[in-house]
Protein backbone atom coordinates (compact mmCIF):
# COMPACT_ATOMS: atom_id res chain seq x y z
CA UNK A 1 -13.69 -12.04 14.06
CA UNK A 2 -17.02 -10.98 11.95
CA UNK A 3 -16.09 -10.40 8.30
CA UNK A 4 -16.31 -6.89 7.49
CA UNK A 5 -17.41 -4.79 4.38
CA UNK A 6 -14.90 -2.68 2.84
CA UNK A 7 -15.93 0.10 0.55
CA UNK A 8 -13.04 1.11 -1.96
CA UNK A 9 -13.58 4.57 -3.59
CA UNK A 10 -12.89 5.58 -6.40
CA UNK A 11 -11.75 2.03 -7.29
CA UNK A 12 -10.28 2.65 -10.39
CA UNK A 13 -7.23 4.32 -9.16
CA UNK A 14 -3.88 2.56 -9.28
CA UNK A 15 -4.16 2.64 -5.20
CA UNK A 16 -7.62 1.12 -5.59
CA UNK A 17 -6.15 -1.73 -7.60
CA UNK A 18 -3.34 -2.32 -5.11
CA UNK A 19 -6.16 -2.11 -2.33
CA UNK A 20 -7.60 -4.93 -4.09
CA UNK A 21 -4.99 -7.08 -4.61
CA UNK A 22 -4.00 -6.69 -1.30
CA UNK A 23 -7.37 -8.40 0.17
CA UNK A 24 -8.70 -10.30 -2.77
CA UNK A 25 -8.46 -13.56 -1.12
CA UNK A 26 -8.81 -12.55 2.79
CA UNK A 27 -11.73 -14.17 4.52
CA UNK A 28 -12.27 -11.41 6.75
CA UNK A 29 -13.13 -8.53 4.49
CA UNK A 30 -15.71 -8.22 1.45
CA UNK A 31 -14.79 -5.87 -1.17
CA UNK A 32 -16.85 -3.35 -2.58
CA UNK A 33 -15.74 -1.28 -5.13
CA UNK A 34 -17.13 2.55 -6.15
CA UNK A 35 -15.97 4.85 -8.93
CA UNK A 36 -17.41 6.98 -11.54
CA UNK A 37 -16.50 4.33 -14.43
CA UNK A 38 -19.36 2.35 -16.18
CA UNK A 39 -17.73 -0.75 -14.91
CA UNK A 40 -14.67 -2.36 -13.20
CA UNK A 41 -12.63 -5.33 -14.61
CA UNK A 42 -11.59 -6.42 -10.66
CA UNK A 43 -14.54 -5.82 -8.43
CA UNK A 44 -17.25 -7.80 -9.08
CA UNK A 45 -19.62 -5.88 -6.25
CA UNK A 46 -19.19 -2.57 -8.28
CA UNK A 47 -21.28 0.49 -7.79
CA UNK A 48 -21.14 3.25 -10.33
CA UNK A 49 -21.19 7.11 -8.70
CA UNK A 50 -23.23 9.57 -10.09
CA UNK A 51 -22.44 12.73 -8.15
CA UNK A 52 -19.05 14.61 -8.79
CA UNK A 53 -16.82 14.82 -5.70
CA UNK A 54 -17.11 18.71 -5.59
CA UNK A 55 -20.88 18.74 -5.21
CA UNK A 56 -22.47 18.25 -1.74
CA UNK A 57 -24.77 15.36 -3.39
CA UNK A 58 -21.39 13.33 -3.05
CA UNK A 59 -21.47 12.57 0.77
CA UNK A 60 -25.00 12.11 0.66
CA UNK A 61 -24.62 9.60 -2.04
CA UNK A 62 -21.62 7.79 -0.20
CA UNK A 63 -23.84 7.80 2.96
CA UNK A 64 -26.83 6.31 0.93
CA UNK A 65 -24.43 3.42 -0.23
CA UNK A 66 -22.91 2.81 3.29
CA UNK A 67 -26.79 2.40 4.66
CA UNK A 68 -27.67 0.04 1.72
CA UNK A 69 -24.78 -1.96 1.53
CA UNK A 70 -23.97 -2.27 5.21
CA UNK A 71 -20.47 -1.00 4.72
CA UNK A 72 -18.17 -1.13 7.70
CA UNK A 73 -14.96 0.45 6.66
CA UNK A 74 -14.18 3.12 3.85
CA UNK A 75 -10.76 2.79 1.94
CA UNK A 76 -10.20 5.99 -0.12
CA UNK A 77 -7.80 5.46 -3.22
CA UNK A 78 -7.50 9.19 -4.08
CA UNK A 79 -6.03 12.13 -2.11
CA UNK A 80 -8.94 14.52 -2.58
CA UNK A 81 -11.44 11.84 -1.68
CA UNK A 82 -9.45 11.02 1.25
CA UNK A 83 -9.50 14.94 2.13
CA UNK A 84 -13.20 15.47 1.74
CA UNK A 85 -14.49 12.26 3.39
CA UNK A 86 -11.86 13.08 6.44
CA UNK A 87 -13.47 16.46 6.63
CA UNK A 88 -16.91 14.97 6.71
CA UNK A 89 -19.15 13.00 9.51
CA UNK A 90 -17.85 9.69 7.82
CA UNK A 91 -14.54 10.39 9.18
CA UNK A 92 -14.33 7.48 11.72
CA UNK A 93 -15.00 4.95 8.94
CA UNK A 94 -11.36 5.81 7.42
CA UNK A 95 -8.50 3.94 8.82
CA UNK A 96 -4.98 5.23 8.97
CA UNK A 97 -4.03 8.96 10.04
CA UNK A 98 -6.03 11.69 11.74
CA UNK A 99 -7.83 14.60 10.06
CA UNK A 100 -5.09 17.08 11.13
CA UNK A 101 -2.42 15.11 9.35
CA UNK A 102 -4.34 14.85 6.16
CA UNK A 103 -5.21 18.29 6.26
CA UNK A 104 -1.80 19.19 6.29
CA UNK A 105 -0.49 16.74 3.84
CA UNK A 106 -2.92 17.83 1.22
CA UNK A 107 -1.24 21.25 1.13
CA UNK A 108 2.49 21.10 0.01
CA UNK A 109 2.71 24.87 1.66
CA UNK A 110 1.53 23.41 5.08
CA UNK A 111 3.55 20.33 4.54
CA UNK A 112 6.97 22.27 4.11
CA UNK A 113 5.91 24.49 6.87
CA UNK A 114 5.45 21.67 9.33
CA UNK A 115 8.89 20.28 8.06
CA UNK A 116 10.75 23.61 8.59
CA UNK A 117 9.54 22.96 12.45
CA UNK A 118 12.29 20.30 12.43
CA UNK A 119 16.04 21.51 12.26
CA UNK A 120 16.77 18.46 10.88
CA UNK A 121 14.83 18.79 8.01
CA UNK A 122 14.38 21.96 7.11
CA UNK A 123 17.27 22.02 5.04
CA UNK A 124 15.64 19.47 2.81
CA UNK A 125 12.61 21.84 1.85
CA UNK A 126 12.59 22.89 -1.98
CA UNK A 127 13.16 26.39 -2.28
CA UNK A 128 9.45 27.36 -3.61
CA UNK A 129 7.43 30.74 -3.93
CA UNK A 130 3.65 31.04 -3.56
CA UNK A 131 1.84 32.28 -6.84
CA UNK A 132 -1.61 33.31 -6.16
CA UNK A 133 -4.53 32.87 -8.56
CA UNK A 134 -4.41 35.23 -11.19
CA UNK A 135 -3.11 35.77 -14.88
CA UNK A 136 0.22 34.72 -16.11
CA UNK A 137 2.08 36.15 -18.92
CA UNK A 138 5.88 36.21 -20.07
CA UNK A 139 8.08 38.98 -19.05
CA UNK A 140 9.59 38.99 -22.58
CA UNK A 141 6.54 38.67 -24.91
CA UNK A 142 3.60 40.09 -26.76
CA UNK A 143 -0.12 40.15 -27.17
CA UNK A 144 -1.81 36.83 -25.36
CA UNK A 145 1.25 34.53 -26.54
CA UNK A 146 2.15 32.25 -23.54
CA UNK A 147 -0.21 33.77 -21.37
CA UNK A 148 -1.99 31.77 -18.75
CA UNK A 149 -5.06 32.02 -16.21
CA UNK A 150 -4.76 30.37 -12.98
CA UNK A 151 -7.49 29.84 -10.59
CA UNK A 152 -5.84 28.26 -7.87
CA UNK A 153 -2.61 29.11 -6.00
CA UNK A 154 0.45 27.34 -7.63
CA UNK A 155 3.98 26.63 -6.01
CA UNK A 156 7.04 27.97 -8.11
CA UNK A 157 9.64 25.62 -7.17
CA UNK A 158 13.33 24.83 -7.93
CA UNK A 159 14.23 22.68 -10.79
CA UNK A 160 15.55 19.38 -9.23
CA UNK A 161 17.21 17.11 -12.20
CA UNK A 162 18.34 14.68 -10.14
CA UNK A 163 17.03 10.63 -9.31
CA UNK A 164 13.43 10.73 -7.60
CA UNK A 165 12.62 8.14 -4.55
CA UNK A 166 9.38 7.12 -2.97
CA UNK A 167 9.73 5.93 1.17
CA UNK A 168 6.98 3.86 2.02
CA UNK A 169 6.34 3.58 5.61
CA UNK A 170 4.00 2.26 8.57
CA UNK A 171 3.57 3.67 11.84
CA UNK A 172 1.97 2.04 14.73
CA UNK A 173 -1.27 3.17 16.97
CA UNK A 174 1.32 4.88 18.81
CA UNK A 175 3.12 6.51 16.27
CA UNK A 176 5.91 4.45 16.44
CA UNK A 177 7.64 3.85 12.84
CA UNK A 178 7.97 0.14 12.36
CA UNK A 179 8.41 -0.13 8.57
CA UNK A 180 10.45 2.00 6.22
CA UNK A 181 10.93 0.92 2.41
CA UNK A 182 13.12 3.51 0.06
CA UNK A 183 12.81 2.77 -3.39
CA UNK A 184 13.94 4.59 -6.40
CA UNK A 185 11.26 5.55 -9.23
CA UNK A 186 12.94 4.53 -12.01
CA UNK A 187 10.35 5.02 -14.61
CA UNK A 188 7.57 7.49 -13.94
CA UNK A 189 4.40 7.46 -15.90
CA UNK A 190 1.10 9.85 -14.91
CA UNK A 191 2.86 10.52 -11.26
CA UNK A 192 2.99 6.77 -10.38
CA UNK A 193 6.07 4.55 -10.49
CA UNK A 194 5.99 2.22 -13.54
CA UNK A 195 9.22 0.18 -12.50
CA UNK A 196 10.37 0.75 -9.24
CA UNK A 197 13.82 -0.60 -7.25
CA UNK A 198 14.61 -1.02 -3.55
CA UNK A 199 17.51 1.53 -2.47
CA UNK A 200 19.76 0.55 0.72
CA UNK A 201 20.34 4.04 2.10
CA UNK A 202 20.23 4.62 5.90
CA UNK A 203 19.87 8.19 4.97
CA UNK A 204 16.21 7.47 4.04
CA UNK A 205 15.64 5.42 7.08
CA UNK A 206 17.18 8.54 9.20
CA UNK A 207 14.76 11.01 7.36
CA UNK A 208 11.56 8.77 7.69
CA UNK A 209 12.08 8.70 11.36
CA UNK A 210 12.48 12.55 11.54
CA UNK A 211 9.24 12.91 9.64
CA UNK A 212 7.42 10.55 11.71
CA UNK A 213 8.45 12.43 14.51
CA UNK A 214 7.00 15.90 13.42
CA UNK A 215 3.87 14.56 11.71
CA UNK A 216 2.94 11.54 14.37
CA UNK A 217 1.46 9.09 11.71
CA UNK A 218 -0.73 6.11 12.29
CA UNK A 219 -0.68 3.62 9.43
CA UNK A 220 0.35 3.82 5.88
CA UNK A 221 2.08 7.08 4.95
CA UNK A 222 5.03 7.68 2.34
CA UNK A 223 6.96 10.83 1.24
CA UNK A 224 8.79 11.53 -2.12
CA UNK A 225 12.33 13.07 -2.85
CA UNK A 226 14.30 14.21 -5.70
CA UNK A 227 17.94 15.47 -5.55
CA UNK A 228 18.86 18.75 -6.70
CA UNK A 229 21.48 19.90 -8.89
CA UNK A 230 24.24 19.11 -6.22
CA UNK A 231 22.85 16.04 -5.28
CA UNK A 232 20.98 16.90 -1.82
CA UNK A 233 17.66 15.46 -1.46
CA UNK A 234 14.59 17.56 -1.48
CA UNK A 235 11.16 16.82 -0.47
CA UNK A 236 8.36 16.81 -3.15
CA UNK A 237 5.46 15.73 -1.07
CA UNK A 238 3.91 13.46 1.83
CA UNK A 239 0.84 11.71 1.81
CA UNK A 240 -1.05 9.91 4.50
CA UNK A 241 -1.80 6.50 2.49
CA UNK A 242 -0.14 3.62 0.47
CA UNK A 243 1.49 4.60 -2.63
CA UNK A 244 0.21 3.52 -6.25
CA UNK A 245 3.40 1.68 -7.07
CA UNK A 246 4.17 0.34 -3.39
CA UNK A 247 2.85 -3.41 -4.50
CA UNK A 248 6.75 -3.95 -3.88
CA UNK A 249 6.26 -3.80 -0.15
CA UNK A 250 3.76 -6.44 -0.61
CA UNK A 251 5.64 -8.99 -2.64
CA UNK A 252 8.32 -8.71 0.36
CA UNK A 253 5.83 -9.81 3.04
CA UNK A 254 4.64 -6.23 4.30
CA UNK A 255 0.83 -5.63 3.02
CA UNK A 256 0.41 -2.13 4.14
CA UNK A 257 -3.65 -2.27 3.44
CA UNK A 258 -4.20 -4.97 5.32
CA UNK A 259 -1.90 -3.70 8.52
CA UNK A 260 -4.42 -0.30 8.17
CA UNK A 261 -7.13 -2.28 8.47
CA UNK A 262 -5.70 -4.42 11.21
CA UNK A 263 -5.11 -1.49 13.31
CA UNK A 264 -8.12 0.45 12.94
CA UNK A 265 -9.74 -2.55 14.21
CA UNK A 266 -7.74 -2.62 17.30
CA UNK A 267 -5.25 -5.26 16.61
CA UNK A 268 -1.32 -4.56 17.34
CA UNK A 269 0.40 -4.74 13.64
CA UNK A 270 3.82 -6.50 13.04
CA UNK A 271 5.80 -6.47 10.19
CA UNK A 272 8.41 -9.28 8.88
CA UNK A 273 10.23 -7.66 5.49
CA UNK A 274 11.78 -10.20 3.40
CA UNK A 275 14.13 -9.83 0.66
CA UNK A 276 12.37 -11.73 -2.15
CA UNK A 277 12.51 -9.01 -4.66
CA UNK A 278 14.43 -5.67 -5.38
CA UNK A 279 12.92 -4.57 -8.35
CA UNK A 280 8.99 -5.21 -9.99
CA UNK A 281 7.37 -3.44 -12.92
CA UNK A 282 3.91 -2.26 -11.48
CA UNK A 283 2.00 -3.82 -14.30
CA UNK A 284 3.80 -7.37 -14.24
CA UNK A 285 5.10 -8.07 -10.74
CA UNK A 286 6.87 -11.08 -10.85
CA UNK A 287 8.84 -13.39 -8.05
CA UNK A 288 12.38 -14.90 -9.26
CA UNK A 289 12.66 -17.56 -6.54
CA UNK A 290 14.81 -20.83 -6.65
CA UNK A 291 12.80 -23.74 -4.91
CA UNK A 292 11.95 -27.17 -5.28
CA UNK A 293 9.39 -27.87 -3.02
CA UNK A 294 5.95 -25.79 -1.81
CA UNK A 295 4.50 -26.37 1.60
CA UNK A 296 1.08 -24.89 1.56
CA UNK A 297 -1.92 -24.37 4.27
CA UNK A 298 -5.06 -26.14 3.34
CA UNK A 299 -7.97 -24.12 4.92
CA UNK A 300 -8.37 -20.86 3.53
CA UNK A 301 -5.44 -20.81 1.14
CA UNK A 302 -5.69 -24.39 -1.16
CA UNK A 303 -8.52 -23.42 -3.01
CA UNK A 304 -7.31 -19.72 -3.73
CA UNK A 305 -3.88 -21.39 -5.08
CA UNK A 306 -4.75 -24.62 -6.65
CA UNK A 307 -4.77 -23.96 -10.27
CA UNK A 308 -1.48 -22.03 -9.51
CA UNK A 309 0.28 -25.02 -8.32
CA UNK A 310 -0.66 -27.39 -10.67
CA UNK A 311 0.83 -24.72 -13.69
CA UNK A 312 4.13 -24.69 -11.28
CA UNK A 313 4.42 -28.66 -11.56
CA UNK A 314 6.92 -28.65 -8.09
CA UNK A 315 6.82 -31.09 -5.23
CA UNK A 316 3.85 -29.66 -3.24
CA UNK A 317 2.95 -31.14 0.24
CA UNK A 318 -0.21 -29.79 1.97
CA UNK A 319 -0.18 -29.16 5.92
CA UNK A 320 -3.28 -29.07 7.47
CA UNK A 321 -4.92 -29.24 11.13
CA UNK A 322 -8.15 -30.46 9.34
CA UNK A 323 -9.58 -33.44 11.36
CA UNK A 324 -11.24 -35.03 8.61
CA UNK A 325 -9.63 -36.13 4.84
CA UNK A 326 -8.69 -32.86 2.73
CA UNK A 327 -9.32 -33.02 -0.74
CA UNK A 328 -6.05 -32.95 -2.56
CA UNK A 329 -3.75 -34.61 -5.24
CA UNK A 330 -0.85 -33.89 -3.21
CA UNK A 331 0.95 -35.18 -0.03
CA UNK A 332 -1.10 -34.27 2.99
CA UNK A 333 0.28 -33.84 6.62
CA UNK A 334 -1.79 -33.82 9.48
CA UNK A 335 -1.15 -31.77 12.25
CA UNK A 336 -2.63 -31.86 15.84
CA UNK A 337 -3.73 -28.48 17.22
CA UNK A 338 -0.25 -28.33 19.21
CA UNK A 339 1.97 -28.98 16.64
CA UNK A 340 3.88 -26.40 14.98
CA UNK A 341 4.32 -26.09 11.17
CA UNK A 342 7.60 -25.14 11.29
CA UNK A 343 8.45 -28.29 13.20
CA UNK A 344 7.21 -30.38 10.35
CA UNK A 345 8.92 -28.24 7.51
CA UNK A 346 12.40 -28.87 9.39
CA UNK A 347 11.74 -32.62 10.05
CA UNK A 348 11.32 -33.13 6.25
CA UNK A 349 14.86 -31.31 5.58
CA UNK A 350 13.83 -29.54 2.46
CA UNK A 351 15.55 -26.28 2.82
CA UNK A 352 15.02 -25.00 -1.04
CA UNK A 353 11.61 -24.77 -0.45
CA UNK A 354 8.74 -22.05 0.09
CA UNK A 355 5.52 -21.69 2.41
CA UNK A 356 1.89 -20.59 1.25
CA UNK A 357 -0.36 -19.46 4.13
CA UNK A 358 -3.23 -17.08 4.74
CA UNK A 359 -2.37 -16.97 8.64
CA UNK A 360 0.54 -14.29 9.63
CA UNK A 361 0.90 -16.36 13.10
CA UNK A 362 2.02 -19.30 10.58
CA UNK A 363 4.11 -17.44 8.58
CA UNK A 364 6.03 -15.66 10.96
CA UNK A 365 6.55 -19.11 12.90
CA UNK A 366 7.99 -20.40 9.81
CA UNK A 367 10.23 -17.73 8.44
CA UNK A 368 11.56 -17.46 12.01
CA UNK A 369 12.31 -20.93 12.41
CA UNK A 370 12.82 -22.19 8.88
CA UNK A 371 14.14 -19.15 7.14
CA UNK A 372 12.58 -19.80 3.52
CA UNK A 373 10.35 -17.44 1.73
CA UNK A 374 6.69 -17.37 3.38
CA UNK A 375 3.70 -15.94 0.84
CA UNK A 376 0.14 -15.42 1.43
CA UNK A 377 -2.28 -16.57 -1.20
CA UNK A 378 -2.44 -13.26 -3.01
CA UNK A 379 1.00 -13.32 -4.09
CA UNK A 380 1.28 -16.68 -5.26
CA UNK A 381 0.38 -15.91 -8.81
CA UNK A 382 3.69 -13.86 -8.94
CA UNK A 383 5.42 -16.99 -9.29
CA UNK A 384 4.21 -17.98 -12.97
């Protein structure tokens, strides 16, 4: 498959950061970042946007960038930009869910009305009333103290004092739900989970199945819930994209951004979740794995992780199908095309080991046949 150019916008959001880390070493995708910032710390190929999102010139500017930089795929990293682009002539460049789903999820009223179509979900809808744009003032008061002019509709919702959760999901091209990952939002800053931990509760899996049944999602999506005063889970919102704190999925073997891209390009997506981390801090994720040996692929992998391997100072074995001598300071094993890496690993009898490879096919083979942790090059830095 030929390499594709991906435009992430705005790349400065936490979602844009996660999209970068999800794809940074992938040979099939070249990343271009765009935002209204003056520069960006992550995206070396960066474009500053000049036109505000709410101006007609914004779409024209994006179209010009697409033409000039030969962009193949758009990855919106902000809800309003996703909504705006999906309602433009650029809609077909965006992976994931269709326009109808995105339009519904952009408004909480439309989301709640859609959820109410399911008798299994309607009791979970938060109690709310619509407050139309106008002028608010306290019932008991005087003068202008405590008043507020509102220029858009608001929802007056019941107070939910309990724990808050995000449920990350992925649905395949046939709208079949193939991945559900509920997590507790332990520490929240500006609406994003700074610290999140996995939750083992079948109730969330059942709810995800029912929500998917109603919306018919394709690609990444998530929903958020909070417990009311009686401990009952109530819906907060649903979004047809990856979550800002969803990197815990990637550290456990499910790269949602990459799955969206592969599905968009027509490939059948498969996921193999691993239980490698149960809690992470979004800004400093880290593995706590016990291992003695590292098996690492050479082609399209070793070059990205060689400096980290040196710092880890573990027994390292390079496995390659190269027909010529490779350049590494470690023990090298050369395979014929028909040989499986899992057979080599099993034959060496090193059960306390991990495997690093950029190929999903190779990782799947090893995890199913060797039962050891498998990582992509993007995740190796979290071993430090």
